[in-house]
Amino acid sequence: MKLPIISVWAVASLATASANDALDILEGNKKVDEVALPPLPEGADDPAAEDKPVVFQEKTWSPSPLDPIWSRAVLYENPDDPWIQQLAVMGFFEFRGAWGEAEVAGKKVVDVDTTRTRRARLGARMKIFGHTEIEAVGEFAGDDEYQRLERLKGKTQLPKGLAVEYGKFRPHFGIEGSKEPQQMLTPNRALLTSMLMPAETLGVSFSQDNEHWDWSLGWFSGDRDRAIPGFEGNGFIAASIAYQGDERMEDGEAMRVRWHLDYINNMDHRKSESVPRYSVAGQTARNGFQGPISNPAFRHLVSTGFSAEGERFGVEGDFMLANGDLNAWGMTLTPSYWILPERLQVVGRYHYADTDTAGGLVGGLGVNDDPLFDSTPLYVGDEFHSFYLGTNLYLYQDKVVIMNGLEYASMKDQSGLGFDTEGWIWHSGARISF
């Protein structure tokens, strides 16, 4: 029992105190807490430990011989310059491959072996006037239809922790949809994330970060363009709220926990080119001679979930719901664990998606997983399950990463044609960013 251990320790400590200290305590001239006592014996709990605030230590990378090379991405930096505080180049290159087969209707076999440069981005970042950051990033991978100005935005800090973001960018929606691709733990996004996340388009968003709570509210155009979108239609409203706090685990270590709620109201409904951000109308699916007659038309989209990060273990969970001409919903659970801190990480993911419309789910398999690509072979259905298990090898921080993993995917098709699809796919890829 803890109480007897602490009591015996206190008595023994007083006994070992000097005679003068003991006499002063008995006469009331000194308080017990004014006498320096020896530390608690090993195995005894500090009675005040539970009252101490728990603080999660942000992850930092150990120094590396490659640090001077990566630091050259910063071309100019002077915090005391009143005009330009920093000028840096930004880049991201990702090469991916997938090997496997998909079995359709229990007999037809579709080869999904593919390798491709998934992303090749180059841009620049400026910090100016002491309160504004500007980013411009171009995408050069893929065919002409996909190459585009990926981002051109500014962010200005306002008084009282407020900030305003403006330009061409994508609003926050969901855990995977809000991450930069170089921060992804898995080779690709989940099927429902790729279906629901909006396009990069013109918009303005106000946000505020407090000690525990943060929020954002913005308006975005319904137009999608490779260069600069226009202000067409009524657009869509994107709102987010999140709570972040540090919790004490049973072993006494700190864990950072974050909960979020994201909401999108698509005021253009079927006329929007941003929600969804792809066009699949008229395409023929690989699992049977069928396909979407029109693009999904979503009016309300919701994402809510949590993430937790400890010293070695982490987990992300997200539930997504879309309402419109068809209803779609699903969840994603992504645990991770550092086998070798800063070097080798094992990652798992389970993804489930469902809809109330035959053929309402659309997506790809392997490298061709995103319906945004015109060349993506589509698979359609009304219920989807995916299990992924892999490892990430970090050669230099999270800037140089090699990813390998095995995925089992199952797309059920209850349209009456019976084109159920399932397959095992091996993923390999490498990415580098600066």
Protein backbone atom coordinates (compact mmCIF):
# COMPACT_ATOMS: atom_id res chain seq x y z
CA MET A 1 0.00 0.00 0.00
CA LYS A 2 1.23 3.49 -0.85
CA LEU A 3 0.20 5.22 2.39
CA PRO A 4 2.28 3.04 4.79
CA ILE A 5 5.34 3.37 2.53
CA ILE A 6 5.12 7.17 2.54
CA SER A 7 4.38 7.27 6.30
CA VAL A 8 7.36 5.07 7.18
CA TRP A 9 9.51 7.20 4.90
CA ALA A 10 8.38 10.38 6.69
CA VAL A 11 9.08 8.97 10.16
CA ALA A 12 12.45 7.63 9.12
CA SER A 13 13.32 10.94 7.48
CA LEU A 14 12.47 12.91 10.62
CA ALA A 15 14.52 10.49 12.64
CA THR A 16 17.54 11.13 10.44
CA ALA A 17 17.11 14.91 10.63
CA SER A 18 19.39 16.83 12.93
CA ALA A 19 18.46 17.03 16.59
CA ASN A 20 18.03 20.79 16.37
CA ASP A 21 15.60 20.47 13.44
CA ALA A 22 13.60 17.85 15.30
CA LEU A 23 13.44 20.01 18.41
CA ASP A 24 12.38 23.08 16.40
CA ILE A 25 9.56 21.09 14.82
CA LEU A 26 8.34 19.82 18.19
CA GLU A 27 8.40 23.33 19.68
CA GLY A 28 6.54 24.76 16.69
CA ASN A 29 9.41 26.98 15.57
CA LYS A 30 9.70 25.14 12.26
CA LYS A 31 7.31 23.45 9.89
CA VAL A 32 7.96 20.00 8.52
CA ASP A 33 8.02 21.29 4.93
CA GLU A 34 10.85 23.66 5.88
CA VAL A 35 13.17 20.75 6.61
CA ALA A 36 14.99 19.21 3.63
CA LEU A 37 14.10 15.54 3.50
CA PRO A 38 15.80 12.81 1.47
CA PRO A 39 14.16 11.68 -1.77
CA LEU A 40 11.47 9.03 -1.85
CA PRO A 41 12.74 5.45 -1.92
CA GLU A 42 12.67 3.74 -5.30
CA GLY A 43 9.24 2.24 -6.02
CA ALA A 44 7.32 4.72 -3.84
CA ASP A 45 4.98 7.19 -5.52
CA ASP A 46 5.35 10.92 -5.09
CA PRO A 47 2.05 12.08 -3.49
CA ALA A 48 2.31 15.39 -5.35
CA ALA A 49 2.98 13.86 -8.75
CA GLU A 50 -0.69 13.63 -9.67
CA ASP A 51 -1.08 17.36 -9.07
CA LYS A 52 1.73 18.33 -11.43
CA PRO A 53 0.56 19.34 -14.93
CA VAL A 54 1.50 16.84 -17.61
CA VAL A 55 3.31 18.33 -20.60
CA PHE A 56 3.85 16.46 -23.87
CA GLN A 57 7.26 17.02 -25.41
CA GLU A 58 7.04 17.82 -29.11
CA LYS A 59 8.95 15.40 -31.32
CA THR A 60 12.41 16.64 -32.29
CA TRP A 61 14.90 14.98 -34.61
CA SER A 62 18.47 14.26 -33.56
CA PRO A 63 21.25 16.21 -35.33
CA SER A 64 22.35 14.64 -38.62
CA PRO A 65 25.26 15.15 -41.05
CA LEU A 66 22.59 15.96 -43.66
CA ASP A 67 21.32 19.00 -41.73
CA PRO A 68 23.66 21.47 -43.53
CA ILE A 69 22.49 20.18 -46.92
CA TRP A 70 18.79 20.58 -46.15
CA SER A 71 19.37 23.98 -44.55
CA ARG A 72 20.40 25.31 -47.97
CA ALA A 73 16.71 25.31 -48.91
CA VAL A 74 16.56 28.55 -46.88
CA LEU A 75 18.07 31.09 -49.26
CA TYR A 76 17.78 34.09 -46.98
CA GLU A 77 16.87 34.55 -43.32
CA ASN A 78 17.07 37.64 -41.15
CA PRO A 79 14.48 38.07 -38.38
CA ASP A 80 15.55 41.70 -37.90
CA ASP A 81 14.81 42.67 -41.51
CA PRO A 82 11.57 44.71 -41.42
CA TRP A 83 10.61 43.70 -44.97
CA ILE A 84 11.70 40.14 -45.73
CA GLN A 85 12.46 37.79 -42.86
CA GLN A 86 12.87 34.57 -44.86
CA LEU A 87 13.02 33.29 -48.43
CA ALA A 88 13.12 29.53 -49.01
CA VAL A 89 12.51 26.98 -51.74
CA MET A 90 10.14 24.04 -51.21
CA GLY A 91 10.06 20.70 -52.98
CA PHE A 92 8.43 17.30 -52.75
CA PHE A 93 9.08 14.25 -54.93
CA GLU A 94 7.24 10.94 -54.50
CA PHE A 95 7.69 7.76 -56.52
CA ARG A 96 5.33 4.85 -55.92
CA GLY A 97 4.79 1.32 -57.15
CA ALA A 98 2.09 -1.28 -56.55
CA TRP A 99 2.00 -4.93 -57.51
CA GLY A 100 -0.95 -7.29 -57.23
CA GLU A 101 -4.13 -8.64 -58.77
CA ALA A 102 -7.81 -7.89 -58.28
CA GLU A 103 -10.31 -10.68 -58.70
CA VAL A 104 -13.68 -9.61 -60.08
CA ALA A 105 -16.84 -11.69 -59.62
CA GLY A 106 -14.72 -14.59 -58.45
CA LYS A 107 -13.14 -15.24 -61.85
CA LYS A 108 -11.91 -12.24 -63.83
CA VAL A 109 -8.39 -11.18 -62.81
CA VAL A 110 -7.27 -7.56 -63.26
CA ASP A 111 -3.56 -6.69 -63.05
CA VAL A 112 -2.88 -3.64 -60.87
CA ASP A 113 0.92 -3.56 -61.34
CA THR A 114 1.87 0.09 -61.77
CA THR A 115 4.80 2.41 -61.08
CA ARG A 116 4.65 6.16 -61.45
CA THR A 117 5.91 9.50 -60.22
CA ARG A 118 2.97 10.28 -57.98
CA ARG A 119 3.96 13.83 -57.05
CA ALA A 120 6.67 16.25 -58.17
CA ARG A 121 6.25 19.65 -56.57
CA LEU A 122 8.43 22.73 -56.48
CA GLY A 123 7.70 26.08 -54.91
CA ALA A 124 8.84 28.92 -52.69
CA ARG A 125 7.98 30.41 -49.32
CA MET A 126 8.41 33.99 -48.09
CA LYS A 127 7.99 35.54 -44.65
CA ILE A 128 7.44 39.27 -44.92
CA PHE A 129 6.53 42.27 -42.76
CA GLY A 130 6.91 40.20 -39.59
CA HIS A 131 3.39 38.78 -39.77
CA THR A 132 2.73 37.35 -43.26
CA GLU A 133 3.78 34.13 -44.96
CA ILE A 134 3.31 33.51 -48.70
CA GLU A 135 3.55 30.10 -50.40
CA ALA A 136 3.50 29.18 -54.09
CA VAL A 137 3.76 25.51 -55.15
CA GLY A 138 3.46 23.93 -58.60
CA GLU A 139 2.67 20.29 -59.42
CA PHE A 140 4.63 18.83 -62.35
CA ALA A 141 3.82 15.11 -62.14
CA GLY A 142 1.28 13.32 -64.32
CA ASP A 143 -0.21 14.35 -67.63
CA ASP A 144 -1.05 17.89 -68.73
CA GLU A 145 -4.50 17.71 -67.16
CA TYR A 146 -3.06 17.08 -63.71
CA GLN A 147 -0.07 19.45 -63.82
CA ARG A 148 -1.19 22.62 -62.12
CA LEU A 149 -0.59 25.46 -59.72
CA GLU A 150 -1.20 23.43 -56.58
CA ARG A 151 -1.14 26.30 -54.12
CA LEU A 152 -0.81 30.07 -54.05
CA LYS A 153 -1.77 31.48 -50.68
CA GLY A 154 -0.93 33.99 -48.02
CA LYS A 155 -1.43 33.87 -44.26
CA THR A 156 -1.38 36.99 -42.11
CA GLN A 157 -1.31 36.99 -38.33
CA LEU A 158 -3.78 39.39 -36.73
CA PRO A 159 -4.10 40.61 -33.12
CA LYS A 160 -5.42 38.33 -30.35
CA GLY A 161 -4.20 35.15 -32.01
CA LEU A 162 -6.39 35.57 -35.07
CA ALA A 163 -5.13 34.79 -38.57
CA VAL A 164 -6.53 35.15 -42.08
CA GLU A 165 -5.59 32.80 -44.94
CA TYR A 166 -6.34 33.72 -48.55
CA GLY A 167 -5.62 32.60 -52.10
CA LYS A 168 -5.75 29.19 -53.73
CA PHE A 169 -5.58 26.38 -51.18
CA ARG A 170 -7.57 23.48 -49.76
CA PRO A 171 -9.55 23.87 -46.52
CA HIS A 172 -9.16 21.48 -43.61
CA PHE A 173 -11.40 18.44 -43.85
CA GLY A 174 -10.61 15.16 -42.14
CA ILE A 175 -7.29 13.97 -40.73
CA GLU A 176 -5.86 12.56 -43.98
CA GLY A 177 -7.36 15.30 -46.14
CA SER A 178 -5.80 18.02 -43.96
CA LYS A 179 -2.30 16.54 -44.02
CA GLU A 180 0.42 17.48 -46.45
CA PRO A 181 1.31 14.35 -48.51
CA GLN A 182 4.82 14.31 -47.03
CA GLN A 183 3.24 13.82 -43.58
CA MET A 184 1.16 10.78 -44.55
CA LEU A 185 1.86 7.56 -42.65
CA THR A 186 0.46 5.37 -45.44
CA PRO A 187 1.28 5.37 -49.17
CA ASN A 188 -2.17 6.63 -50.17
CA ARG A 189 -5.28 8.22 -48.72
CA ALA A 190 -8.31 6.14 -47.86
CA LEU A 191 -10.97 5.71 -50.56
CA LEU A 192 -13.60 7.86 -48.83
CA THR A 193 -11.07 10.62 -48.09
CA SER A 194 -10.20 10.86 -51.80
CA MET A 195 -13.92 10.91 -52.63
CA LEU A 196 -14.93 13.65 -50.21
CA MET A 197 -12.04 16.06 -49.71
CA PRO A 198 -12.53 19.33 -51.64
CA ALA A 199 -10.32 20.82 -54.33
CA GLU A 200 -7.69 23.53 -53.99
CA THR A 201 -9.61 26.62 -54.99
CA LEU A 202 -9.89 30.35 -54.27
CA GLY A 203 -10.98 31.12 -50.75
CA VAL A 204 -10.53 33.08 -47.56
CA SER A 205 -10.50 31.60 -44.06
CA PHE A 206 -10.26 33.11 -40.58
CA SER A 207 -8.80 31.07 -37.72
CA GLN A 208 -7.67 31.34 -34.12
CA ASP A 209 -5.39 29.13 -32.04
CA ASN A 210 -5.86 29.19 -28.28
CA GLU A 211 -4.21 27.15 -25.55
CA HIS A 212 -6.52 24.17 -26.07
CA TRP A 213 -9.16 25.19 -28.61
CA ASP A 214 -8.72 26.27 -32.21
CA TRP A 215 -11.24 27.03 -34.94
CA SER A 216 -11.49 28.18 -38.55
CA LEU A 217 -14.28 29.47 -40.77
CA GLY A 218 -13.98 30.22 -44.47
CA TRP A 219 -15.63 30.57 -47.85
CA PHE A 220 -14.32 28.85 -50.99
CA SER A 221 -15.21 29.02 -54.68
CA GLY A 222 -16.99 26.17 -56.45
CA ASP A 223 -14.68 26.56 -59.45
CA ARG A 224 -11.72 24.23 -60.09
CA ASP A 225 -8.95 25.29 -62.43
CA ARG A 226 -5.39 24.16 -63.09
CA ALA A 227 -4.15 27.73 -62.68
CA ILE A 228 -6.29 30.29 -60.88
CA PRO A 229 -9.97 29.38 -60.29
CA GLY A 230 -12.68 31.99 -60.68
CA PHE A 231 -15.40 33.15 -58.30
CA GLU A 232 -18.19 31.04 -59.75
CA GLY A 233 -21.47 30.08 -58.10
CA ASN A 234 -22.18 30.37 -54.40
CA GLY A 235 -19.17 28.24 -53.41
CA PHE A 236 -18.97 26.32 -50.15
CA ILE A 237 -18.51 27.10 -46.48
CA ALA A 238 -15.85 25.21 -44.50
CA ALA A 239 -15.85 25.30 -40.69
CA SER A 240 -13.63 23.46 -38.19
CA ILE A 241 -13.24 23.30 -34.44
CA ALA A 242 -10.72 21.24 -32.47
CA TYR A 243 -9.59 20.64 -28.90
CA GLN A 244 -6.05 19.61 -27.98
CA GLY A 245 -4.73 18.61 -24.58
CA ASP A 246 -2.06 16.53 -22.86
CA GLU A 247 -3.05 13.42 -20.89
CA ARG A 248 -1.10 11.27 -18.43
CA MET A 249 -0.89 7.59 -19.35
CA GLU A 250 -0.74 4.77 -16.82
CA ASP A 251 3.05 4.61 -17.02
CA GLY A 252 3.26 8.33 -16.21
CA GLU A 253 4.27 9.41 -19.72
CA ALA A 254 2.46 12.23 -21.48
CA MET A 255 0.28 11.76 -24.55
CA ARG A 256 -1.07 14.52 -26.79
CA VAL A 257 -4.73 14.04 -27.70
CA ARG A 258 -6.61 16.05 -30.32
CA TRP A 259 -10.29 15.95 -31.26
CA HIS A 260 -11.74 17.68 -34.33
CA LEU A 261 -15.06 18.42 -36.01
CA ASP A 262 -15.04 19.61 -39.65
CA TYR A 263 -18.09 20.63 -41.68
CA ILE A 264 -18.60 21.67 -45.33
CA ASN A 265 -21.81 23.15 -46.76
CA ASN A 266 -21.73 22.94 -50.57
CA MET A 267 -24.09 25.71 -51.68
CA ASP A 268 -23.66 24.89 -55.40
CA HIS A 269 -24.70 21.26 -54.97
CA ARG A 270 -24.45 19.48 -58.35
CA LYS A 271 -22.95 22.52 -60.14
CA SER A 272 -19.86 22.57 -57.92
CA GLU A 273 -16.50 21.59 -59.42
CA SER A 274 -14.78 21.71 -56.03
CA VAL A 275 -17.03 19.28 -54.09
CA PRO A 276 -16.20 16.72 -55.33
CA ARG A 277 -12.96 17.74 -57.04
CA TYR A 278 -13.02 15.05 -59.75
CA SER A 279 -15.17 14.04 -62.72
CA VAL A 280 -16.03 10.36 -63.24
CA ALA A 281 -19.29 10.70 -65.16
CA GLY A 282 -19.39 8.38 -68.16
CA GLN A 283 -16.28 6.38 -67.22
CA THR A 284 -16.45 2.59 -67.30
CA ALA A 285 -15.40 0.72 -64.18
CA ARG A 286 -12.88 -2.12 -64.27
CA ASN A 287 -15.19 -4.37 -62.26
CA GLY A 288 -17.81 -4.91 -64.96
CA PHE A 289 -19.22 -2.83 -67.78
CA GLN A 290 -20.76 -0.26 -65.50
CA GLY A 291 -19.93 3.19 -64.23
CA PRO A 292 -21.27 6.41 -62.72
CA ILE A 293 -23.84 8.16 -64.89
CA SER A 294 -23.07 11.45 -63.12
CA ASN A 295 -20.67 12.78 -60.51
CA PRO A 296 -21.63 12.46 -56.84
CA ALA A 297 -23.48 15.56 -55.67
CA PHE A 298 -22.76 16.27 -52.00
CA ARG A 299 -24.36 19.11 -50.07
CA HIS A 300 -23.29 18.44 -46.48
CA LEU A 301 -20.02 16.81 -45.43
CA VAL A 302 -18.92 16.05 -41.85
CA SER A 303 -15.69 14.65 -40.42
CA THR A 304 -15.06 14.05 -36.74
CA GLY A 305 -12.38 12.05 -34.99
CA PHE A 306 -9.30 12.09 -32.80
CA SER A 307 -5.56 11.59 -32.84
CA ALA A 308 -3.29 10.59 -29.96
CA GLU A 309 0.50 10.70 -29.94
CA GLY A 310 2.83 9.32 -27.30
CA GLU A 311 6.58 8.85 -27.22
CA ARG A 312 6.44 5.74 -29.41
CA PHE A 313 2.76 4.91 -30.00
CA GLY A 314 0.22 6.92 -31.99
CA VAL A 315 -3.28 6.43 -33.35
CA GLU A 316 -5.65 8.37 -35.64
CA GLY A 317 -9.36 7.75 -35.96
CA ASP A 318 -11.76 9.55 -38.27
CA PHE A 319 -15.46 9.19 -39.12
CA MET A 320 -16.77 10.83 -42.31
CA LEU A 321 -20.30 11.40 -43.59
CA ALA A 322 -21.57 12.94 -46.84
CA ASN A 323 -25.19 13.78 -47.65
CA GLY A 324 -26.65 14.75 -51.01
CA ASP A 325 -28.02 12.91 -54.02
CA LEU A 326 -26.39 9.90 -52.41
CA ASN A 327 -25.32 9.27 -48.83
CA ALA A 328 -21.86 7.92 -48.07
CA TRP A 329 -20.16 7.28 -44.76
CA GLY A 330 -17.16 5.47 -43.35
CA MET A 331 -14.35 5.40 -40.83
CA THR A 332 -10.56 5.09 -40.78
CA LEU A 333 -8.37 3.84 -37.93
CA THR A 334 -4.58 4.22 -38.24
CA PRO A 335 -2.30 3.04 -35.39
CA SER A 336 1.48 3.41 -35.53
CA TYR A 337 4.45 2.41 -33.39
CA TRP A 338 8.15 3.31 -33.47
CA ILE A 339 10.13 0.05 -33.46
CA LEU A 340 13.33 2.09 -33.66
CA PRO A 341 12.73 5.73 -32.64
CA GLU A 342 13.43 8.20 -35.47
CA ARG A 343 14.26 5.32 -37.81
CA LEU A 344 11.72 2.51 -38.26
CA GLN A 345 7.96 2.79 -37.76
CA VAL A 346 5.26 0.17 -38.24
CA VAL A 347 1.88 1.48 -39.46
CA GLY A 348 -1.51 -0.19 -39.80
CA ARG A 349 -4.78 1.11 -41.22
CA TYR A 350 -8.32 -0.16 -41.45
CA HIS A 351 -10.75 1.70 -43.68
CA TYR A 352 -14.46 1.12 -44.14
CA ALA A 353 -16.83 2.96 -46.51
CA ASP A 354 -20.49 2.42 -47.30
CA THR A 355 -23.32 4.07 -49.24
CA ASP A 356 -27.04 3.68 -49.78
CA THR A 357 -26.69 3.89 -53.58
CA ALA A 358 -25.60 1.06 -55.89
CA GLY A 359 -22.23 2.00 -57.39
CA GLY A 360 -22.05 5.08 -55.14
CA LEU A 361 -18.44 4.46 -54.08
CA VAL A 362 -15.76 5.21 -56.66
CA GLY A 363 -12.01 4.82 -56.39
CA GLY A 364 -8.90 3.05 -57.61
CA LEU A 365 -6.54 0.38 -56.36
CA GLY A 366 -2.79 0.53 -55.91
CA VAL A 367 -0.98 3.61 -57.20
CA ASN A 368 -4.03 4.64 -59.24
CA ASP A 369 -6.14 5.24 -56.16
CA ASP A 370 -7.33 8.82 -56.65
CA PRO A 371 -10.34 9.50 -58.94
CA LEU A 372 -8.88 12.96 -59.63
CA PHE A 373 -6.53 11.33 -62.16
CA ASP A 374 -8.16 10.89 -65.57
CA SER A 375 -6.05 7.77 -66.12
CA THR A 376 -7.22 6.09 -62.91
CA PRO A 377 -8.98 2.78 -63.59
CA LEU A 378 -12.19 3.06 -61.57
CA TYR A 379 -13.79 0.46 -59.35
CA VAL A 380 -17.34 1.07 -58.18
CA GLY A 381 -19.47 -0.51 -55.48
CA ASP A 382 -21.48 0.19 -52.37
CA GLU A 383 -19.29 -1.23 -49.56
CA PHE A 384 -15.52 -1.09 -49.23
CA HIS A 385 -13.02 -2.57 -46.76
CA SER A 386 -9.27 -2.10 -46.72
CA PHE A 387 -6.58 -3.50 -44.38
CA TYR A 388 -3.02 -2.17 -44.62
CA LEU A 389 0.12 -3.09 -42.68
CA GLY A 390 3.52 -1.66 -43.51
CA THR A 391 6.75 -0.06 -42.35
CA ASN A 392 8.25 3.38 -42.87
CA LEU A 393 12.03 3.71 -42.93
CA TYR A 394 13.14 7.27 -42.12
CA LEU A 395 16.56 7.87 -43.65
CA TYR A 396 16.61 11.57 -42.79
CA GLN A 397 13.97 12.88 -40.40
CA ASP A 398 10.63 12.79 -42.24
CA LYS A 399 12.28 14.32 -45.33
CA VAL A 400 13.59 11.07 -46.85
CA VAL A 401 11.30 8.09 -46.30
CA ILE A 402 10.97 4.61 -47.83
CA MET A 403 7.54 3.00 -47.43
CA ASN A 404 6.58 -0.65 -47.90
CA GLY A 405 3.38 -2.45 -47.02
CA LEU A 406 0.72 -5.00 -47.89
CA GLU A 407 -2.95 -4.14 -48.43
CA TYR A 408 -6.06 -6.25 -48.76
CA ALA A 409 -8.97 -4.44 -50.43
CA SER A 410 -12.56 -5.61 -50.94
CA MET A 411 -15.22 -3.73 -52.92
CA LYS A 412 -18.73 -5.18 -52.75
CA ASP A 413 -21.13 -4.47 -55.59
CA GLN A 414 -24.81 -5.11 -54.89
CA SER A 415 -26.12 -3.45 -58.04
CA GLY A 416 -27.47 -6.79 -59.17
CA LEU A 417 -24.59 -7.50 -61.55
CA GLY A 418 -22.44 -9.17 -58.90
CA PHE A 419 -19.08 -7.57 -59.71
CA ASP A 420 -17.58 -7.96 -56.23
CA THR A 421 -13.85 -7.18 -56.27
CA GLU A 422 -11.05 -8.16 -53.91
CA GLY A 423 -7.29 -8.25 -54.13
CA TRP A 424 -3.93 -8.26 -52.37
CA ILE A 425 -1.61 -5.38 -53.26
CA TRP A 426 2.02 -4.77 -52.32
CA HIS A 427 2.98 -1.09 -52.00
CA SER A 428 6.50 0.34 -52.25
CA GLY A 429 7.53 3.95 -52.52
CA ALA A 430 10.03 6.62 -51.67
CA ARG A 431 9.58 10.30 -51.01
CA ILE A 432 11.90 13.23 -50.49
CA SER A 433 10.98 16.75 -49.40
CA PHE A 434 12.69 19.99 -48.46
